[in-house]
PDB file of N, CA and C in Angstrom:
ATOM      1  N   MET A   1       0.854  -1.146  -0.034  1.00  0.00           N
ATOM      2  CA  MET A   1       0.055   0.029  -0.046  1.00  0.00           C
ATOM      3  C   MET A   1       0.851   1.228  -0.059  1.00  0.00           C
ATOM      4  N   ALA A   2       0.577   2.207  -0.763  1.00  0.00           N
ATOM      5  CA  ALA A   2       1.337   3.425  -0.985  1.00  0.00           C
ATOM      6  C   ALA A   2       1.137   4.297   0.179  1.00  0.00           C
ATOM      7  N   ALA A   3       2.116   5.109   0.551  1.00  0.00           N
ATOM      8  CA  ALA A   3       2.100   6.039   1.765  1.00  0.00           C
ATOM      9  C   ALA A   3       1.122   7.233   1.204  1.00  0.00           C
ATOM     10  N   PRO A   4       0.282   7.791   2.083  1.00  0.00           N
ATOM     11  CA  PRO A   4      -0.671   8.848   1.701  1.00  0.00           C
ATOM     12  C   PRO A   4       0.097  10.044   1.377  1.00  0.00           C
ATOM     13  N   SER A   5      -0.378  10.755   0.343  1.00  0.00           N
ATOM     14  CA  SER A   5       0.216  11.841  -0.224  1.00  0.00           C
ATOM     15  C   SER A   5       0.169  13.163   0.709  1.00  0.00           C
ATOM     16  N   LYS A   6       0.911  14.133   0.653  1.00  0.00           N
ATOM     17  CA  LYS A   6       0.856  15.359   1.416  1.00  0.00           C
ATOM     18  C   LYS A   6      -0.523  15.916   1.075  1.00  0.00           C
ATOM     19  N   ALA A   7      -1.081  16.003  -0.167  1.00  0.00           N
ATOM     20  CA  ALA A   7      -2.389  16.515  -0.298  1.00  0.00           C
ATOM     21  C   ALA A   7      -3.490  15.795   0.419  1.00  0.00           C
ATOM     22  N   THR A   8      -3.316  14.459   0.572  1.00  0.00           N
ATOM     23  CA  THR A   8      -4.345  13.752   1.209  1.00  0.00           C
ATOM     24  C   THR A   8      -4.273  14.035   2.682  1.00  0.00           C
ATOM     25  N   ASN A   9      -3.133  14.120   3.242  1.00  0.00           N
ATOM     26  CA  ASN A   9      -2.949  14.570   4.699  1.00  0.00           C
ATOM     27  C   ASN A   9      -3.432  15.921   5.024  1.00  0.00           C
ATOM     28  N   LEU A  10      -3.204  16.921   3.957  1.00  0.00           N
ATOM     29  CA  LEU A  10      -3.783  18.284   4.268  1.00  0.00           C
ATOM     30  C   LEU A  10      -5.304  18.194   4.210  1.00  0.00           C
ATOM     31  N   GLN A  11      -5.772  17.400   3.294  1.00  0.00           N
ATOM     32  CA  GLN A  11      -7.193  17.386   3.161  1.00  0.00           C
ATOM     33  C   GLN A  11      -7.787  16.778   4.461  1.00  0.00           C
ATOM     34  N   GLU A  12      -7.194  15.846   5.040  1.00  0.00           N
ATOM     35  CA  GLU A  12      -7.710  15.254   6.250  1.00  0.00           C
ATOM     36  C   GLU A  12      -7.604  16.204   7.391  1.00  0.00           C
ATOM     37  N   LEU A  13      -6.627  16.955   7.434  1.00  0.00           N
ATOM     38  CA  LEU A  13      -6.374  17.997   8.476  1.00  0.00           C
ATOM     39  C   LEU A  13      -7.572  19.054   8.248  1.00  0.00           C
ATOM     40  N   GLU A  14      -7.739  19.475   7.022  1.00  0.00           N
ATOM     41  CA  GLU A  14      -8.827  20.473   6.841  1.00  0.00           C
ATOM     42  C   GLU A  14     -10.122  19.883   7.148  1.00  0.00           C
ATOM     43  N   GLU A  15     -10.401  18.760   6.908  1.00  0.00           N
ATOM     44  CA  GLU A  15     -11.726  18.121   7.378  1.00  0.00           C
ATOM     45  C   GLU A  15     -11.857  18.082   8.754  1.00  0.00           C
ATOM     46  N   THR A  16     -10.848  17.780   9.548  1.00  0.00           N
ATOM     47  CA  THR A  16     -10.851  17.643  11.038  1.00  0.00           C
ATOM     48  C   THR A  16     -11.091  19.051  11.596  1.00  0.00           C
ATOM     49  N   VAL A  17     -10.414  19.942  11.103  1.00  0.00           N
ATOM     50  CA  VAL A  17     -10.560  21.434  11.517  1.00  0.00           C
ATOM     51  C   VAL A  17     -11.886  21.860  11.244  1.00  0.00           C
ATOM     52  N   SER A  18     -12.471  21.582  10.088  1.00  0.00           N
ATOM     53  CA  SER A  18     -13.766  22.003   9.835  1.00  0.00           C
ATOM     54  C   SER A  18     -14.862  21.305  10.700  1.00  0.00           C
ATOM     55  N   ARG A  19     -14.688  20.077  10.961  1.00  0.00           N
ATOM     56  CA  ARG A  19     -15.623  19.322  11.873  1.00  0.00           C
ATOM     57  C   ARG A  19     -15.609  19.880  13.304  1.00  0.00           C
ATOM     58  N   LEU A  20     -14.380  20.104  13.777  1.00  0.00           N
ATOM     59  CA  LEU A  20     -14.220  20.643  15.083  1.00  0.00           C
ATOM     60  C   LEU A  20     -14.840  22.160  15.132  1.00  0.00           C
ATOM     61  N   SER A  21     -14.583  22.930  14.121  1.00  0.00           N
ATOM     62  CA  SER A  21     -15.158  24.245  14.080  1.00  0.00           C
ATOM     63  C   SER A  21     -16.673  24.318  14.203  1.00  0.00           C
ATOM     64  N   GLY A  22     -17.341  23.267  13.753  1.00  0.00           N
ATOM     65  CA  GLY A  22     -18.799  23.310  13.740  1.00  0.00           C
ATOM     66  C   GLY A  22     -19.228  22.916  15.168  1.00  0.00           C
ATOM     67  N   HIS A  23     -18.546  22.523  16.235  1.00  0.00           N
ATOM     68  CA  HIS A  23     -19.069  22.339  17.500  1.00  0.00           C
ATOM     69  C   HIS A  23     -19.417  23.573  18.182  1.00  0.00           C
ATOM     70  N   LYS A  24     -20.479  23.406  18.981  1.00  0.00           N
ATOM     71  CA  LYS A  24     -20.932  24.648  19.696  1.00  0.00           C
ATOM     72  C   LYS A  24     -19.869  25.121  20.685  1.00  0.00           C
ATOM     73  N   GLY A  25     -19.793  26.470  20.559  1.00  0.00           N
ATOM     74  CA  GLY A  25     -18.842  27.141  21.460  1.00  0.00           C
ATOM     75  C   GLY A  25     -17.361  27.203  21.028  1.00  0.00           C
ATOM     76  N   VAL A  26     -17.084  26.520  19.955  1.00  0.00           N
ATOM     77  CA  VAL A  26     -15.747  26.638  19.268  1.00  0.00           C
ATOM     78  C   VAL A  26     -15.484  27.934  18.721  1.00  0.00           C
ATOM     79  N   GLU A  27     -14.358  28.608  19.146  1.00  0.00           N
ATOM     80  CA  GLU A  27     -14.205  30.001  18.509  1.00  0.00           C
ATOM     81  C   GLU A  27     -13.064  29.851  17.511  1.00  0.00           C
ATOM     82  N   ALA A  28     -12.107  28.857  17.612  1.00  0.00           N
ATOM     83  CA  ALA A  28     -11.028  28.786  16.686  1.00  0.00           C
ATOM     84  C   ALA A  28     -10.448  27.451  16.750  1.00  0.00           C
ATOM     85  N   VAL A  29      -9.763  26.907  15.679  1.00  0.00           N
ATOM     86  CA  VAL A  29      -9.169  25.646  15.712  1.00  0.00           C
ATOM     87  C   VAL A  29      -7.807  25.923  14.880  1.00  0.00           C
ATOM     88  N   LEU A  30      -6.713  25.471  15.428  1.00  0.00           N
ATOM     89  CA  LEU A  30      -5.392  25.633  14.719  1.00  0.00           C
ATOM     90  C   LEU A  30      -4.678  24.232  14.700  1.00  0.00           C
ATOM     91  N   MET A  31      -4.166  23.794  13.591  1.00  0.00           N
ATOM     92  CA  MET A  31      -3.419  22.576  13.416  1.00  0.00           C
ATOM     93  C   MET A  31      -2.018  23.217  13.091  1.00  0.00           C
ATOM     94  N   LEU A  32      -1.032  22.856  13.838  1.00  0.00           N
ATOM     95  CA  LEU A  32       0.471  23.349  13.770  1.00  0.00           C
ATOM     96  C   LEU A  32       1.204  22.174  13.482  1.00  0.00           C
ATOM     97  N   ASN A  33       2.238  22.394  12.745  1.00  0.00           N
ATOM     98  CA  ASN A  33       3.369  21.329  12.786  1.00  0.00           C
ATOM     99  C   ASN A  33       4.143  21.475  14.032  1.00  0.00           C
ATOM    100  N   ARG A  34       5.025  20.586  14.210  1.00  0.00           N
ATOM    101  CA  ARG A  34       5.789  20.625  15.461  1.00  0.00           C
ATOM    102  C   ARG A  34       6.779  21.775  15.648  1.00  0.00           C
ATOM    103  N   ASP A  35       6.948  22.438  14.470  1.00  0.00           N
ATOM    104  CA  ASP A  35       7.748  23.657  14.529  1.00  0.00           C
ATOM    105  C   ASP A  35       6.990  24.961  14.925  1.00  0.00           C
ATOM    106  N   GLY A  36       5.735  24.739  14.974  1.00  0.00           N
ATOM    107  CA  GLY A  36       4.744  25.820  15.374  1.00  0.00           C
ATOM    108  C   GLY A  36       4.270  26.696  14.167  1.00  0.00           C
ATOM    109  N   ASN A  37       4.429  26.060  12.985  1.00  0.00           N
ATOM    110  CA  ASN A  37       3.860  26.700  11.768  1.00  0.00           C
ATOM    111  C   ASN A  37       2.466  26.212  11.674  1.00  0.00           C
ATOM    112  N   ILE A  38       1.565  27.177  11.242  1.00  0.00           N
ATOM    113  CA  ILE A  38       0.202  26.787  10.949  1.00  0.00           C
ATOM    114  C   ILE A  38       0.049  26.065   9.761  1.00  0.00           C
ATOM    115  N   LEU A  39      -0.602  24.902   9.860  1.00  0.00           N
ATOM    116  CA  LEU A  39      -0.970  23.939   8.681  1.00  0.00           C
ATOM    117  C   LEU A  39      -2.407  24.391   8.229  1.00  0.00           C
ATOM    118  N   VAL A  40      -3.379  24.359   9.184  1.00  0.00           N
ATOM    119  CA  VAL A  40      -4.764  24.692   8.863  1.00  0.00           C
ATOM    120  C   VAL A  40      -5.262  25.505  10.085  1.00  0.00           C
ATOM    121  N   SER A  41      -6.178  26.456   9.773  1.00  0.00           N
ATOM    122  CA  SER A  41      -6.867  27.103  10.782  1.00  0.00           C
ATOM    123  C   SER A  41      -8.134  27.550  10.406  1.00  0.00           C
ATOM    124  N   SER A  42      -8.991  27.760  11.460  1.00  0.00           N
ATOM    125  CA  SER A  42     -10.390  28.278  11.045  1.00  0.00           C
ATOM    126  C   SER A  42     -10.893  29.054  12.332  1.00  0.00           C
ATOM    127  N   GLY A  43     -11.823  29.912  12.053  1.00  0.00           N
ATOM    128  CA  GLY A  43     -12.647  30.616  13.104  1.00  0.00           C
ATOM    129  C   GLY A  43     -11.927  31.858  13.676  1.00  0.00           C
ATOM    130  N   SER A  44     -12.434  32.366  14.770  1.00  0.00           N
ATOM    131  CA  SER A  44     -12.221  33.527  15.595  1.00  0.00           C
ATOM    132  C   SER A  44     -12.312  34.819  14.759  1.00  0.00           C
ATOM    133  N   THR A  45     -13.227  35.622  15.305  1.00  0.00           N
ATOM    134  CA  THR A  45     -13.380  36.928  14.892  1.00  0.00           C
ATOM    135  C   THR A  45     -12.841  37.927  16.081  1.00  0.00           C
ATOM    136  N   ASN A  46     -12.256  37.282  17.062  1.00  0.00           N
ATOM    137  CA  ASN A  46     -11.678  37.951  18.220  1.00  0.00           C
ATOM    138  C   ASN A  46     -10.439  38.658  17.761  1.00  0.00           C
ATOM    139  N   GLU A  47     -10.397  39.911  17.960  1.00  0.00           N
ATOM    140  CA  GLU A  47      -9.285  40.840  17.552  1.00  0.00           C
ATOM    141  C   GLU A  47      -7.961  40.434  18.292  1.00  0.00           C
ATOM    142  N   ASN A  48      -8.256  39.940  19.473  1.00  0.00           N
ATOM    143  CA  ASN A  48      -7.080  39.560  20.365  1.00  0.00           C
ATOM    144  C   ASN A  48      -6.416  38.113  19.906  1.00  0.00           C
ATOM    145  N   PHE A  49      -6.994  37.479  19.012  1.00  0.00           N
ATOM    146  CA  PHE A  49      -6.592  36.260  18.719  1.00  0.00           C
ATOM    147  C   PHE A  49      -6.022  36.291  17.263  1.00  0.00           C
ATOM    148  N   ALA A  50      -4.644  36.478  17.222  1.00  0.00           N
ATOM    149  CA  ALA A  50      -3.882  36.519  16.068  1.00  0.00           C
ATOM    150  C   ALA A  50      -3.227  35.101  15.847  1.00  0.00           C
ATOM    151  N   PRO A  51      -3.651  34.313  14.767  1.00  0.00           N
ATOM    152  CA  PRO A  51      -3.209  32.905  14.720  1.00  0.00           C
ATOM    153  C   PRO A  51      -1.687  32.790  14.689  1.00  0.00           C
ATOM    154  N   PRO A  52      -0.919  33.585  13.984  1.00  0.00           N
ATOM    155  CA  PRO A  52       0.593  33.416  14.009  1.00  0.00           C
ATOM    156  C   PRO A  52       1.150  33.674  15.472  1.00  0.00           C
ATOM    157  N   LYS A  53       0.637  34.538  16.136  1.00  0.00           N
ATOM    158  CA  LYS A  53       1.151  34.863  17.532  1.00  0.00           C
ATOM    159  C   LYS A  53       0.667  33.638  18.468  1.00  0.00           C
ATOM    160  N   GLN A  54      -0.491  33.326  18.356  1.00  0.00           N
ATOM    161  CA  GLN A  54      -1.105  32.231  19.100  1.00  0.00           C
ATOM    162  C   GLN A  54      -0.336  30.977  18.919  1.00  0.00           C
ATOM    163  N   ALA A  55      -0.043  30.735  17.620  1.00  0.00           N
ATOM    164  CA  ALA A  55       0.775  29.509  17.257  1.00  0.00           C
ATOM    165  C   ALA A  55       2.080  29.433  18.037  1.00  0.00           C
ATOM    166  N   LYS A  56       2.862  30.476  18.065  1.00  0.00           N
ATOM    167  CA  LYS A  56       4.016  30.467  18.746  1.00  0.00           C
ATOM    168  C   LYS A  56       3.813  30.204  20.311  1.00  0.00           C
ATOM    169  N   LEU A  57       2.896  30.821  20.927  1.00  0.00           N
ATOM    170  CA  LEU A  57       2.450  30.670  22.247  1.00  0.00           C
ATOM    171  C   LEU A  57       2.087  29.205  22.598  1.00  0.00           C
ATOM    172  N   ILE A  58       1.372  28.546  21.552  1.00  0.00           N
ATOM    173  CA  ILE A  58       0.894  27.308  21.705  1.00  0.00           C
ATOM    174  C   ILE A  58       2.029  26.279  21.852  1.00  0.00           C
ATOM    175  N   LYS A  59       3.019  26.495  20.828  1.00  0.00           N
ATOM    176  CA  LYS A  59       4.162  25.701  20.692  1.00  0.00           C
ATOM    177  C   LYS A  59       4.916  25.765  22.075  1.00  0.00           C
ATOM    178  N   GLN A  60       5.061  26.943  22.474  1.00  0.00           N
ATOM    179  CA  GLN A  60       5.814  27.145  23.869  1.00  0.00           C
ATOM    180  C   GLN A  60       5.204  26.450  24.976  1.00  0.00           C
ATOM    181  N   LEU A  61       3.626  26.559  25.049  1.00  0.00           N
ATOM    182  CA  LEU A  61       3.070  25.903  26.092  1.00  0.00           C
ATOM    183  C   LEU A  61       3.284  24.232  26.103  1.00  0.00           C
ATOM    184  N   VAL A  62       3.128  23.820  24.842  1.00  0.00           N
ATOM    185  CA  VAL A  62       3.306  22.337  24.774  1.00  0.00           C
ATOM    186  C   VAL A  62       4.694  21.913  25.248  1.00  0.00           C
ATOM    187  N   GLU A  63       5.767  22.726  24.784  1.00  0.00           N
ATOM    188  CA  GLU A  63       7.180  22.391  25.080  1.00  0.00           C
ATOM    189  C   GLU A  63       7.313  22.533  26.611  1.00  0.00           C
ATOM    190  N   THR A  64       6.770  23.506  27.233  1.00  0.00           N
ATOM    191  CA  THR A  64       6.933  23.702  28.737  1.00  0.00           C
ATOM    192  C   THR A  64       6.233  22.654  29.401  1.00  0.00           C
ATOM    193  N   SER A  65       4.996  22.147  28.993  1.00  0.00           N
ATOM    194  CA  SER A  65       4.264  21.107  29.538  1.00  0.00           C
ATOM    195  C   SER A  65       5.098  19.843  29.472  1.00  0.00           C
ATOM    196  N   GLN A  66       5.706  19.606  28.327  1.00  0.00           N
ATOM    197  CA  GLN A  66       6.483  18.417  28.155  1.00  0.00           C
ATOM    198  C   GLN A  66       7.697  18.371  29.070  1.00  0.00           C
ATOM    199  N   LYS A  67       8.376  19.490  29.223  1.00  0.00           N
ATOM    200  CA  LYS A  67       9.479  19.632  30.165  1.00  0.00           C
ATOM    201  C   LYS A  67       9.063  19.282  31.578  1.00  0.00           C
ATOM    202  N   PHE A  68       7.986  19.708  31.961  1.00  0.00           N
ATOM    203  CA  PHE A  68       7.474  19.500  33.414  1.00  0.00           C
ATOM    204  C   PHE A  68       7.187  18.087  33.483  1.00  0.00           C
ATOM    205  N   ILE A  69       6.438  17.400  32.454  1.00  0.00           N
ATOM    206  CA  ILE A  69       6.225  16.062  32.572  1.00  0.00           C
ATOM    207  C   ILE A  69       7.471  15.148  32.627  1.00  0.00           C
ATOM    208  N   HIS A  70       8.381  15.530  31.820  1.00  0.00           N
ATOM    209  CA  HIS A  70       9.732  14.720  31.712  1.00  0.00           C
ATOM    210  C   HIS A  70      10.464  14.814  33.069  1.00  0.00           C
ATOM    211  N   ALA A  71      10.297  15.979  33.787  1.00  0.00           N
ATOM    212  CA  ALA A  71      10.969  16.092  35.061  1.00  0.00           C
ATOM    213  C   ALA A  71      10.259  15.130  36.103  1.00  0.00           C
ATOM    214  N   LEU A  72       9.123  14.960  35.856  1.00  0.00           N
ATOM    215  CA  LEU A  72       8.371  13.852  36.823  1.00  0.00           C
ATOM    216  C   LEU A  72       8.640  12.603  36.379  1.00  0.00           C
ATOM    217  N   ASP A  73       8.680  12.181  35.118  1.00  0.00           N
ATOM    218  CA  ASP A  73       8.964  10.903  34.673  1.00  0.00           C
ATOM    219  C   ASP A  73       9.576  10.963  33.195  1.00  0.00           C
ATOM    220  N   PRO A  74      10.843  10.757  33.062  1.00  0.00           N
ATOM    221  CA  PRO A  74      11.515  10.859  31.744  1.00  0.00           C
ATOM    222  C   PRO A  74      10.817  10.011  30.599  1.00  0.00           C
ATOM    223  N   ASN A  75      10.157   8.930  31.051  1.00  0.00           N
ATOM    224  CA  ASN A  75       9.480   8.049  30.048  1.00  0.00           C
ATOM    225  C   ASN A  75       8.040   8.528  29.665  1.00  0.00           C
ATOM    226  N   ASP A  76       7.538   9.398  30.276  1.00  0.00           N
ATOM    227  CA  ASP A  76       6.239   9.919  30.003  1.00  0.00           C
ATOM    228  C   ASP A  76       6.191  10.996  28.914  1.00  0.00           C
ATOM    229  N   ALA A  77       5.088  11.305  28.439  1.00  0.00           N
ATOM    230  CA  ALA A  77       4.772  12.382  27.434  1.00  0.00           C
ATOM    231  C   ALA A  77       3.453  12.899  27.517  1.00  0.00           C
ATOM    232  N   VAL A  78       3.340  14.187  27.214  1.00  0.00           N
ATOM    233  CA  VAL A  78       2.203  14.970  27.270  1.00  0.00           C
ATOM    234  C   VAL A  78       1.166  14.482  26.220  1.00  0.00           C
ATOM    235  N   SER A  79       0.022  14.238  26.435  1.00  0.00           N
ATOM    236  CA  SER A  79      -1.081  13.684  25.503  1.00  0.00           C
ATOM    237  C   SER A  79      -2.177  14.818  25.385  1.00  0.00           C
ATOM    238  N   PHE A  80      -2.350  15.644  26.421  1.00  0.00           N
ATOM    239  CA  PHE A  80      -3.347  16.544  26.343  1.00  0.00           C
ATOM    240  C   PHE A  80      -3.193  17.745  27.399  1.00  0.00           C
ATOM    241  N   VAL A  81      -3.403  18.998  26.961  1.00  0.00           N
ATOM    242  CA  VAL A  81      -3.237  20.076  27.907  1.00  0.00           C
ATOM    243  C   VAL A  81      -4.517  20.837  27.761  1.00  0.00           C
ATOM    244  N   GLN A  82      -5.208  21.224  28.987  1.00  0.00           N
ATOM    245  CA  GLN A  82      -6.406  21.903  28.945  1.00  0.00           C
ATOM    246  C   GLN A  82      -6.259  23.070  29.892  1.00  0.00           C
ATOM    247  N   ILE A  83      -6.555  24.292  29.433  1.00  0.00           N
ATOM    248  CA  ILE A  83      -6.563  25.403  30.381  1.00  0.00           C
ATOM    249  C   ILE A  83      -7.881  26.197  30.336  1.00  0.00           C
ATOM    250  N   ARG A  84      -8.319  26.500  31.436  1.00  0.00           N
ATOM    251  CA  ARG A  84      -9.684  27.279  31.331  1.00  0.00           C
ATOM    252  C   ARG A  84      -9.551  28.570  32.156  1.00  0.00           C
ATOM    253  N   SER A  85     -10.124  29.522  31.623  1.00  0.00           N
ATOM    254  CA  SER A  85     -10.305  30.767  32.363  1.00  0.00           C
ATOM    255  C   SER A  85     -11.910  31.155  32.315  1.00  0.00           C
ATOM    256  N   LYS A  86     -12.237  32.247  32.861  1.00  0.00           N
ATOM    257  CA  LYS A  86     -13.703  32.571  32.902  1.00  0.00           C
ATOM    258  C   LYS A  86     -14.238  32.709  31.509  1.00  0.00           C
ATOM    259  N   GLN A  87     -13.438  33.130  30.628  1.00  0.00           N
ATOM    260  CA  GLN A  87     -13.954  33.612  29.273  1.00  0.00           C
ATOM    261  C   GLN A  87     -13.474  32.625  28.092  1.00  0.00           C
ATOM    262  N   HIS A  88     -12.360  31.854  28.382  1.00  0.00           N
ATOM    263  CA  HIS A  88     -11.797  31.022  27.315  1.00  0.00           C
ATOM    264  C   HIS A  88     -11.378  29.644  27.806  1.00  0.00           C
ATOM    265  N   GLU A  89     -11.438  28.621  27.028  1.00  0.00           N
ATOM    266  CA  GLU A  89     -10.765  27.440  27.299  1.00  0.00           C
ATOM    267  C   GLU A  89     -10.022  27.028  26.054  1.00  0.00           C
ATOM    268  N   ILE A  90      -8.824  26.643  26.377  1.00  0.00           N
ATOM    269  CA  ILE A  90      -7.998  26.087  25.269  1.00  0.00           C
ATOM    270  C   ILE A  90      -7.490  24.634  25.551  1.00  0.00           C
ATOM    271  N   MET A  91      -7.529  23.928  24.521  1.00  0.00           N
ATOM    272  CA  MET A  91      -7.324  22.477  24.655  1.00  0.00           C
ATOM    273  C   MET A  91      -6.251  22.213  23.553  1.00  0.00           C
ATOM    274  N   LEU A  92      -5.243  21.564  24.013  1.00  0.00           N
ATOM    275  CA  LEU A  92      -4.114  21.218  23.101  1.00  0.00           C
ATOM    276  C   LEU A  92      -3.904  19.710  23.129  1.00  0.00           C
ATOM    277  N   ALA A  93      -3.630  19.175  21.888  1.00  0.00           N
ATOM    278  CA  ALA A  93      -3.440  17.841  21.801  1.00  0.00           C
ATOM    279  C   ALA A  93      -2.214  17.571  20.880  1.00  0.00           C
ATOM    280  N   PRO A  94      -1.073  17.475  21.556  1.00  0.00           N
ATOM    281  CA  PRO A  94       0.178  17.346  20.728  1.00  0.00           C
ATOM    282  C   PRO A  94       0.318  15.863  20.234  1.00  0.00           C
ATOM    283  N   HIS A  95       0.667  15.630  18.980  1.00  0.00           N
ATOM    284  CA  HIS A  95       0.743  14.347  18.357  1.00  0.00           C
ATOM    285  C   HIS A  95       2.409  14.393  17.742  1.00  0.00           C
ATOM    286  N   ASN A  96       2.728  13.223  17.226  1.00  0.00           N
ATOM    287  CA  ASN A  96       4.129  13.193  16.752  1.00  0.00           C
ATOM    288  C   ASN A  96       4.296  14.305  15.640  1.00  0.00           C
ATOM    289  N   ASP A  97       3.597  14.506  14.732  1.00  0.00           N
ATOM    290  CA  ASP A  97       3.829  15.368  13.604  1.00  0.00           C
ATOM    291  C   ASP A  97       3.063  16.799  13.691  1.00  0.00           C
ATOM    292  N   TYR A  98       2.106  16.845  14.693  1.00  0.00           N
ATOM    293  CA  TYR A  98       1.475  18.096  14.659  1.00  0.00           C
ATOM    294  C   TYR A  98       0.848  18.344  16.075  1.00  0.00           C
ATOM    295  N   ILE A  99       0.231  19.595  16.278  1.00  0.00           N
ATOM    296  CA  ILE A  99      -0.415  19.991  17.522  1.00  0.00           C
ATOM    297  C   ILE A  99      -1.682  20.537  17.082  1.00  0.00           C
ATOM    298  N   LEU A 100      -2.749  19.858  17.838  1.00  0.00           N
ATOM    299  CA  LEU A 100      -4.135  20.419  17.490  1.00  0.00           C
ATOM    300  C   LEU A 100      -4.533  21.262  18.696  1.00  0.00           C
ATOM    301  N   ALA A 101      -4.880  22.558  18.217  1.00  0.00           N
ATOM    302  CA  ALA A 101      -5.391  23.502  19.292  1.00  0.00           C
ATOM    303  C   ALA A 101      -6.746  23.897  19.091  1.00  0.00           C
ATOM    304  N   VAL A 102      -7.601  23.843  20.162  1.00  0.00           N
ATOM    305  CA  VAL A 102      -8.971  24.359  20.056  1.00  0.00           C
ATOM    306  C   VAL A 102      -9.206  25.469  21.107  1.00  0.00           C
ATOM    307  N   LEU A 103      -9.804  26.542  20.722  1.00  0.00           N
ATOM    308  CA  LEU A 103     -10.105  27.640  21.607  1.00  0.00           C
ATOM    309  C   LEU A 103     -11.546  27.716  21.562  1.00  0.00           C
ATOM    310  N   GLN A 104     -12.253  27.616  22.898  1.00  0.00           N
ATOM    311  CA  GLN A 104     -13.696  27.664  22.868  1.00  0.00           C
ATOM    312  C   GLN A 104     -14.107  28.560  24.044  1.00  0.00           C
ATOM    313  N   ASP A 105     -15.418  28.897  23.992  1.00  0.00           N
ATOM    314  CA  ASP A 105     -16.116  29.627  25.004  1.00  0.00           C
ATOM    315  C   ASP A 105     -16.677  28.614  25.961  1.00  0.00           C
ATOM    316  N   PRO A 106     -16.040  28.653  27.175  1.00  0.00           N
ATOM    317  CA  PRO A 106     -16.523  27.495  28.078  1.00  0.00           C
ATOM    318  C   PRO A 106     -18.091  27.629  28.558  1.00  0.00           C
ATOM    319  N   LEU A 107     -18.545  28.891  28.529  1.00  0.00           N
ATOM    320  CA  LEU A 107     -19.876  28.980  28.900  1.00  0.00           C
ATOM    321  C   LEU A 107     -20.872  28.449  27.891  1.00  0.00           C
ATOM    322  N   VAL A 108     -20.532  28.773  26.623  1.00  0.00           N
ATOM    323  CA  VAL A 108     -21.443  28.206  25.603  1.00  0.00           C
ATOM    324  C   VAL A 108     -21.133  26.631  25.277  1.00  0.00           C
ATOM    325  N   ALA A 109     -19.907  26.281  25.481  1.00  0.00           N
ATOM    326  CA  ALA A 109     -19.640  24.831  25.265  1.00  0.00           C
ATOM    327  C   ALA A 109     -20.160  23.889  26.316  1.00  0.00           C
ATOM    328  N   SER A 110     -20.352  24.499  27.584  1.00  0.00           N
ATOM    329  CA  SER A 110     -20.913  23.668  28.569  1.00  0.00           C
ATOM    330  C   SER A 110     -22.245  23.786  28.926  1.00  0.00           C
ATOM    331  N   ALA A 111     -22.899  24.667  28.111  1.00  0.00           N
ATOM    332  CA  ALA A 111     -24.291  24.966  28.339  1.00  0.00           C
ATOM    333  C   ALA A 111     -25.151  23.614  27.979  1.00  0.00           C
ATOM    334  N   PRO A 112     -26.123  23.311  28.861  1.00  0.00           N
ATOM    335  CA  PRO A 112     -26.887  22.163  28.470  1.00  0.00           C
ATOM    336  C   PRO A 112     -27.638  22.278  27.321  1.00  0.00           C
ATOM    337  N   ALA A 113     -27.933  21.213  26.557  1.00  0.00           N
ATOM    338  CA  ALA A 113     -28.726  21.313  25.402  1.00  0.00           C
ATOM    339  C   ALA A 113     -30.212  21.337  25.863  1.00  0.00           C
ATOM    340  N   ILE A 114     -30.986  22.263  25.209  1.00  0.00           N
ATOM    341  CA  ILE A 114     -32.412  22.302  25.620  1.00  0.00           C
ATOM    342  C   ILE A 114     -33.338  21.810  24.536  1.00  0.00           C
TER     343      ILE A 114
END
C-alpha cells in the first residue's frame, strides 16, 4: 500500500478542523506542525486572537508542559493540555507530527442542550 500523499494529509487535516469548528462554542481551531507553523486554521473573529502569535504561544506551552512531565517521569509524554479561564478554554493535543489546538467559550460549550 502506498503512503498517503501530502495533499491527502492536508485534506484530512482540513476536514478535521472543519468538523471541530462546527461544534457549539468553538471559537478557533489551529493545526500546527511541531515547529509551530500553522498548517490549517479556522474561526475566531476575536481581535485579540492573531493565529501566528497564538501558534508561537501554543508551541511554547506544549514544550513547557513536556519539560514538566519529563521532570516527573522521563519516560512519560504529554497527551493533552487543557487550560480554562472565565472567558476562554484552550485544549491542546500534541501528536508526533502536529499539535491540534481548540479555543472555545466554556460557557457556550458547557451549556446544557435544551
